[in-house]
Amino acid sequence: MKINLSSTRVCVSSARVVLLAIILGSTLLINGCGGEAAPEGTSAGYPAGVSEDIEQQLKYDARVESFEPDDAENLVVEVNDSWASSPEGMQERAAGQWYALWHAGHSGKVIVKYDGNVVATCSAEGYRPEPPAAAEGEPEG
């Protein structure tokens, strides 16, 4: 008894072509849709070309109310509720980035204020959150 395998070979060959087309199409789709939209080397949330300029970076940062250097070469940054309510790690990261950019051209530290009170500092020694001030009339303990 002789079995005709020519139709089976055609079917297997067609299946290979279809499978190869599916793999190639999927690969192209993944590469086309899965790439990063932001160009490399820029900080997220800032327009291209201002990430190295501390003044521009603070100006575009939604967590910053105001900023100004003080007489001792320090940068004083007044932050809003968004910064104050973020986790300490995110606060540390933001202050560290501000310090790195500020320290490139100045010798002072970054002082972070919220509602006029110092809440953190960032210097060569690292990030230091300030303990919250005790409310009036409450004994410290």
Protein backbone atom coordinates (compact mmCIF):
# COMPACT_ATOMS: atom_id res chain seq x y z
CA MET A 1 0.00 0.00 0.00
CA LYS A 2 1.39 3.34 -1.08
CA ILE A 3 0.50 6.53 0.83
CA ASN A 4 0.44 9.86 -0.97
CA LEU A 5 2.23 12.42 1.24
CA SER A 6 2.31 15.28 -1.25
CA SER A 7 -0.88 16.90 0.09
CA THR A 8 0.43 16.58 3.67
CA ARG A 9 3.71 18.26 2.68
CA VAL A 10 1.83 21.13 1.06
CA CYS A 11 -0.30 21.57 4.19
CA VAL A 12 2.76 21.53 6.50
CA SER A 13 4.62 23.92 4.21
CA SER A 14 1.64 26.32 4.18
CA ALA A 15 1.37 26.13 7.96
CA ARG A 16 5.06 27.04 8.27
CA VAL A 17 4.61 30.07 6.02
CA VAL A 18 1.56 31.23 8.00
CA LEU A 19 3.39 30.68 11.32
CA LEU A 20 6.43 32.58 10.05
CA ALA A 21 4.21 35.48 8.91
CA ILE A 22 2.48 35.59 12.32
CA ILE A 23 5.83 35.64 14.17
CA LEU A 24 7.25 38.34 11.89
CA GLY A 25 4.09 40.46 12.16
CA SER A 26 4.03 40.12 15.95
CA THR A 27 7.68 41.09 16.22
CA LEU A 28 7.12 44.20 14.10
CA LEU A 29 4.03 45.14 16.12
CA ILE A 30 5.85 44.74 19.45
CA ASN A 31 8.82 46.79 18.27
CA GLY A 32 6.61 49.49 16.80
CA CYS A 33 4.27 49.86 19.75
CA GLY A 34 6.55 49.00 22.64
CA GLY A 35 9.29 51.60 22.17
CA GLU A 36 9.84 54.52 24.52
CA ALA A 37 8.17 57.74 23.51
CA ALA A 38 10.62 59.99 25.43
CA PRO A 39 14.06 60.52 23.92
CA GLU A 40 16.95 59.13 25.94
CA GLY A 41 18.76 61.45 28.32
CA THR A 42 15.85 63.69 29.25
CA SER A 43 14.11 63.72 32.60
CA ALA A 44 10.47 62.75 32.56
CA GLY A 45 8.08 65.66 32.92
CA TYR A 46 10.49 68.34 31.69
CA PRO A 47 10.73 69.77 28.18
CA ALA A 48 13.75 68.64 26.19
CA GLY A 49 16.85 70.74 26.77
CA VAL A 50 16.08 72.08 30.26
CA SER A 51 16.91 69.07 32.42
CA GLU A 52 20.43 70.39 33.20
CA ASP A 53 19.26 73.89 34.19
CA ILE A 54 18.11 73.99 37.83
CA GLU A 55 16.09 77.18 37.37
CA GLN A 56 14.16 75.78 34.42
CA GLN A 57 13.68 72.44 36.14
CA LEU A 58 12.22 74.03 39.27
CA LYS A 59 10.07 76.33 37.15
CA TYR A 60 8.46 73.34 35.40
CA ASP A 61 8.13 71.20 38.56
CA ALA A 62 4.49 71.21 39.69
CA ARG A 63 5.55 70.43 43.29
CA VAL A 64 7.50 73.71 43.61
CA GLU A 65 5.76 76.92 44.67
CA SER A 66 8.86 79.15 44.58
CA PHE A 67 12.63 79.03 44.88
CA GLU A 68 15.50 81.42 45.49
CA PRO A 69 19.10 81.35 46.62
CA ASP A 70 19.84 82.69 50.09
CA ASP A 71 22.86 84.70 51.24
CA ALA A 72 24.90 81.60 52.12
CA GLU A 73 24.90 79.97 48.64
CA ASN A 74 22.00 77.69 49.61
CA LEU A 75 18.95 77.12 47.43
CA VAL A 76 15.64 77.52 49.27
CA VAL A 77 12.77 75.66 47.61
CA GLU A 78 9.20 76.23 48.82
CA VAL A 79 7.11 73.16 47.98
CA ASN A 80 3.36 72.56 47.89
CA ASP A 81 0.99 69.86 49.18
CA SER A 82 1.86 67.55 46.30
CA TRP A 83 5.49 67.28 47.43
CA ALA A 84 4.60 67.19 51.13
CA SER A 85 2.10 64.35 50.67
CA SER A 86 4.38 62.20 48.52
CA PRO A 87 6.31 59.28 50.06
CA GLU A 88 9.63 60.11 51.73
CA GLY A 89 11.56 58.25 49.03
CA MET A 90 10.11 60.47 46.32
CA GLN A 91 10.82 63.56 48.41
CA GLU A 92 14.40 62.41 48.86
CA ARG A 93 14.80 61.74 45.15
CA ALA A 94 13.48 65.19 44.18
CA ALA A 95 15.64 67.01 46.73
CA GLY A 96 18.67 64.96 45.72
CA GLN A 97 18.17 65.84 42.07
CA TRP A 98 17.77 69.53 42.92
CA TYR A 99 20.92 69.37 45.05
CA ALA A 100 22.95 67.66 42.32
CA LEU A 101 22.01 70.34 39.81
CA TRP A 102 22.45 73.20 42.30
CA HIS A 103 25.77 71.90 43.62
CA ALA A 104 27.24 71.78 40.10
CA GLY A 105 27.55 75.57 40.20
CA HIS A 106 27.24 76.46 43.89
CA SER A 107 28.74 75.35 47.18
CA GLY A 108 25.61 75.40 49.34
CA LYS A 109 22.85 72.94 50.10
CA VAL A 110 19.17 72.71 49.19
CA ILE A 111 16.71 73.71 51.90
CA VAL A 112 13.14 72.50 51.34
CA LYS A 113 10.34 74.48 53.00
CA TYR A 114 6.64 73.78 53.29
CA ASP A 115 4.31 76.47 54.63
CA GLY A 116 7.36 78.54 55.55
CA ASN A 117 8.91 75.81 57.74
CA VAL A 118 12.04 73.84 56.89
CA VAL A 119 10.97 70.25 56.23
CA ALA A 120 14.17 68.82 54.74
CA THR A 121 17.69 69.61 53.62
CA CYS A 122 19.93 67.99 51.09
CA SER A 123 23.68 68.47 51.17
CA ALA A 124 26.92 66.55 50.70
CA GLU A 125 25.95 64.55 53.81
CA GLY A 126 22.75 63.44 52.07
CA TYR A 127 19.03 63.97 52.49
CA ARG A 128 17.82 64.88 55.98
CA PRO A 129 14.12 65.27 56.73
CA GLU A 130 13.39 67.63 59.61
CA PRO A 131 11.28 66.28 62.45
CA PRO A 132 7.83 67.85 62.53
CA ALA A 133 7.53 70.73 64.96
CA ALA A 134 5.44 70.00 68.03
CA ALA A 135 2.10 71.78 68.08
CA GLU A 136 1.71 74.63 70.57
CA GLY A 137 0.64 73.54 74.03
CA GLU A 138 1.64 69.90 73.51
CA PRO A 139 4.40 68.58 75.72
CA GLU A 140 7.32 67.09 73.85
CA GLY A 141 7.94 63.54 74.73
